[in-house]
Amino acid sequence: MIFVKTDPNRPIDYYIRLFNKKVQADGILTLVNEKRFHQKPSQIKQAKMKEKARKIRSKSRRDSFAY
């Protein structure tokens, strides 16, 4: 559970932004979006493989620019 302690001297917008940052850092929204619709196991496996390939490509691009 995410909590944000408030101070009466600060505006409510500050706490809304702070709450949104904590939600994103915790990964709650990504989990909700993943669980929103059923995916077949093969689709999950395919998405994981695509993500792994994307990470390998980006890592190789970063490594190729090393001086």
N, C-alpha and C. Protein backbone atom coordinates (compact mmCIF):
# COMPACT_ATOMS: atom_id res chain seq x y z
N MET A 1 0.84 -1.17 0.00
CA MET A 1 0.00 0.00 0.00
C MET A 1 0.89 1.24 0.00
N ILE A 2 0.55 2.20 -0.82
CA ILE A 2 1.34 3.42 -0.93
C ILE A 2 0.69 4.52 -0.11
N PHE A 3 1.50 5.16 0.71
CA PHE A 3 1.02 6.27 1.54
C PHE A 3 1.85 7.51 1.25
N VAL A 4 1.20 8.67 1.34
CA VAL A 4 1.88 9.95 1.19
C VAL A 4 1.49 10.79 2.40
N LYS A 5 2.49 11.15 3.20
CA LYS A 5 2.22 11.99 4.36
C LYS A 5 2.07 13.44 3.90
N THR A 6 1.04 14.09 4.42
CA THR A 6 0.76 15.45 3.99
C THR A 6 1.17 16.46 5.04
N ASP A 7 1.40 17.67 4.55
CA ASP A 7 1.72 18.81 5.39
C ASP A 7 0.76 19.92 4.97
N PRO A 8 0.08 20.56 5.90
CA PRO A 8 -0.92 21.57 5.51
C PRO A 8 -0.34 22.78 4.79
N ASN A 9 0.96 22.96 4.84
CA ASN A 9 1.59 24.13 4.20
C ASN A 9 1.84 23.92 2.70
N ARG A 10 1.80 22.69 2.25
CA ARG A 10 2.06 22.41 0.83
C ARG A 10 0.75 22.25 0.07
N PRO A 11 0.78 22.57 -1.23
CA PRO A 11 -0.45 22.43 -2.03
C PRO A 11 -0.75 20.97 -2.34
N ILE A 12 -2.00 20.68 -2.63
CA ILE A 12 -2.43 19.30 -2.91
C ILE A 12 -1.80 18.77 -4.20
N ASP A 13 -1.50 19.64 -5.16
CA ASP A 13 -0.88 19.21 -6.41
C ASP A 13 0.46 18.53 -6.17
N TYR A 14 1.19 19.02 -5.20
CA TYR A 14 2.49 18.44 -4.86
C TYR A 14 2.31 16.98 -4.45
N TYR A 15 1.31 16.71 -3.63
CA TYR A 15 1.09 15.36 -3.12
C TYR A 15 0.53 14.43 -4.19
N ILE A 16 -0.23 14.98 -5.12
CA ILE A 16 -0.72 14.16 -6.24
C ILE A 16 0.46 13.72 -7.10
N ARG A 17 1.37 14.65 -7.40
CA ARG A 17 2.56 14.29 -8.18
C ARG A 17 3.43 13.29 -7.44
N LEU A 18 3.59 13.48 -6.14
CA LEU A 18 4.39 12.56 -5.32
C LEU A 18 3.77 11.16 -5.33
N PHE A 19 2.45 11.10 -5.19
CA PHE A 19 1.76 9.82 -5.22
C PHE A 19 1.94 9.13 -6.58
N ASN A 20 1.78 9.88 -7.66
CA ASN A 20 1.93 9.31 -9.00
C ASN A 20 3.35 8.77 -9.22
N LYS A 21 4.35 9.48 -8.72
CA LYS A 21 5.73 9.02 -8.84
C LYS A 21 5.94 7.71 -8.08
N LYS A 22 5.36 7.61 -6.89
CA LYS A 22 5.50 6.40 -6.09
C LYS A 22 4.80 5.22 -6.77
N VAL A 23 3.65 5.47 -7.37
CA VAL A 23 2.92 4.41 -8.08
C VAL A 23 3.74 3.92 -9.26
N GLN A 24 4.33 4.84 -10.03
CA GLN A 24 5.15 4.43 -11.16
C GLN A 24 6.39 3.68 -10.71
N ALA A 25 7.03 4.13 -9.65
CA ALA A 25 8.24 3.48 -9.16
C ALA A 25 7.94 2.08 -8.65
N ASP A 26 6.76 1.90 -8.08
CA ASP A 26 6.37 0.60 -7.55
C ASP A 26 5.93 -0.36 -8.66
N GLY A 27 5.58 0.17 -9.84
CA GLY A 27 5.18 -0.67 -10.97
C GLY A 27 3.75 -1.17 -10.89
N ILE A 28 2.91 -0.49 -10.17
CA ILE A 28 1.53 -0.93 -10.00
C ILE A 28 0.76 -0.82 -11.31
N LEU A 29 0.93 0.28 -12.03
CA LEU A 29 0.17 0.47 -13.26
C LEU A 29 0.54 -0.54 -14.33
N THR A 30 1.82 -0.87 -14.44
CA THR A 30 2.22 -1.85 -15.45
C THR A 30 1.63 -3.21 -15.11
N LEU A 31 1.60 -3.55 -13.83
CA LEU A 31 1.01 -4.82 -13.42
C LEU A 31 -0.47 -4.86 -13.72
N VAL A 32 -1.18 -3.77 -13.46
CA VAL A 32 -2.61 -3.71 -13.73
C VAL A 32 -2.87 -3.84 -15.22
N ASN A 33 -2.08 -3.15 -16.03
CA ASN A 33 -2.28 -3.22 -17.48
C ASN A 33 -1.98 -4.61 -18.02
N GLU A 34 -1.01 -5.30 -17.44
CA GLU A 34 -0.70 -6.66 -17.88
C GLU A 34 -1.82 -7.63 -17.52
N LYS A 35 -2.43 -7.43 -16.36
CA LYS A 35 -3.47 -8.34 -15.89
C LYS A 35 -4.86 -7.98 -16.40
N ARG A 36 -4.98 -6.88 -17.13
CA ARG A 36 -6.28 -6.40 -17.56
C ARG A 36 -6.99 -7.38 -18.49
N PHE A 37 -6.26 -7.98 -19.41
CA PHE A 37 -6.82 -8.94 -20.35
C PHE A 37 -6.02 -10.24 -20.27
N HIS A 38 -6.70 -11.33 -20.54
CA HIS A 38 -6.03 -12.62 -20.52
C HIS A 38 -5.12 -12.75 -21.74
N GLN A 39 -3.93 -13.26 -21.51
CA GLN A 39 -3.01 -13.54 -22.60
C GLN A 39 -2.68 -15.03 -22.57
N LYS A 40 -2.59 -15.59 -23.75
CA LYS A 40 -2.21 -17.00 -23.82
C LYS A 40 -0.75 -17.13 -23.40
N PRO A 41 -0.37 -18.26 -22.86
CA PRO A 41 1.02 -18.45 -22.44
C PRO A 41 2.02 -18.23 -23.58
N SER A 42 1.65 -18.58 -24.79
CA SER A 42 2.56 -18.38 -25.92
C SER A 42 2.78 -16.89 -26.18
N GLN A 43 1.74 -16.06 -25.97
CA GLN A 43 1.88 -14.62 -26.16
C GLN A 43 2.79 -14.03 -25.09
N ILE A 44 2.68 -14.51 -23.87
CA ILE A 44 3.54 -14.03 -22.79
C ILE A 44 4.99 -14.38 -23.08
N LYS A 45 5.21 -15.61 -23.54
CA LYS A 45 6.56 -16.08 -23.87
C LYS A 45 7.15 -15.25 -25.01
N GLN A 46 6.32 -14.96 -26.02
CA GLN A 46 6.78 -14.18 -27.16
C GLN A 46 7.13 -12.75 -26.74
N ALA A 47 6.34 -12.16 -25.85
CA ALA A 47 6.62 -10.80 -25.38
C ALA A 47 7.92 -10.77 -24.59
N LYS A 48 8.16 -11.80 -23.77
CA LYS A 48 9.41 -11.86 -23.00
C LYS A 48 10.61 -11.97 -23.94
N MET A 49 10.48 -12.78 -24.99
CA MET A 49 11.57 -12.94 -25.94
C MET A 49 11.85 -11.63 -26.67
N LYS A 50 10.79 -10.90 -27.05
CA LYS A 50 10.97 -9.62 -27.72
C LYS A 50 11.68 -8.62 -26.80
N GLU A 51 11.29 -8.60 -25.53
CA GLU A 51 11.90 -7.69 -24.57
C GLU A 51 13.37 -8.03 -24.38
N LYS A 52 13.68 -9.32 -24.29
CA LYS A 52 15.07 -9.74 -24.13
C LYS A 52 15.90 -9.34 -25.35
N ALA A 53 15.34 -9.52 -26.55
CA ALA A 53 16.05 -9.15 -27.78
C ALA A 53 16.27 -7.64 -27.84
N ARG A 54 15.28 -6.86 -27.41
CA ARG A 54 15.40 -5.41 -27.40
C ARG A 54 16.51 -4.97 -26.45
N LYS A 55 16.58 -5.60 -25.28
CA LYS A 55 17.62 -5.26 -24.32
C LYS A 55 19.01 -5.61 -24.85
N ILE A 56 19.12 -6.74 -25.52
CA ILE A 56 20.41 -7.15 -26.09
C ILE A 56 20.85 -6.16 -27.16
N ARG A 57 19.90 -5.75 -28.03
CA ARG A 57 20.22 -4.78 -29.09
C ARG A 57 20.68 -3.45 -28.49
N SER A 58 19.96 -2.97 -27.50
CA SER A 58 20.33 -1.67 -26.93
C SER A 58 21.66 -1.76 -26.20
N LYS A 59 21.92 -2.87 -25.54
CA LYS A 59 23.20 -3.05 -24.85
C LYS A 59 24.35 -3.10 -25.85
N SER A 60 24.14 -3.79 -26.96
CA SER A 60 25.21 -3.88 -27.96
C SER A 60 25.46 -2.51 -28.59
N ARG A 61 24.39 -1.70 -28.78
CA ARG A 61 24.57 -0.36 -29.31
C ARG A 61 25.36 0.51 -28.33
N ARG A 62 25.05 0.39 -27.03
CA ARG A 62 25.77 1.16 -26.03
C ARG A 62 27.23 0.74 -25.98
N ASP A 63 27.49 -0.56 -26.06
CA ASP A 63 28.86 -1.06 -25.98
C ASP A 63 29.67 -0.69 -27.22
N SER A 64 29.03 -0.55 -28.37
CA SER A 64 29.76 -0.24 -29.58
C SER A 64 30.24 1.21 -29.60
N PHE A 65 29.63 2.09 -28.78
CA PHE A 65 30.05 3.47 -28.73
C PHE A 65 31.08 3.74 -27.65
N ALA A 66 31.56 2.72 -26.99
CA ALA A 66 32.56 2.90 -25.93
C ALA A 66 33.85 3.41 -26.56
N TYR A 67 34.49 4.37 -25.90
CA TYR A 67 35.72 4.96 -26.44
C TYR A 67 36.92 4.47 -25.71
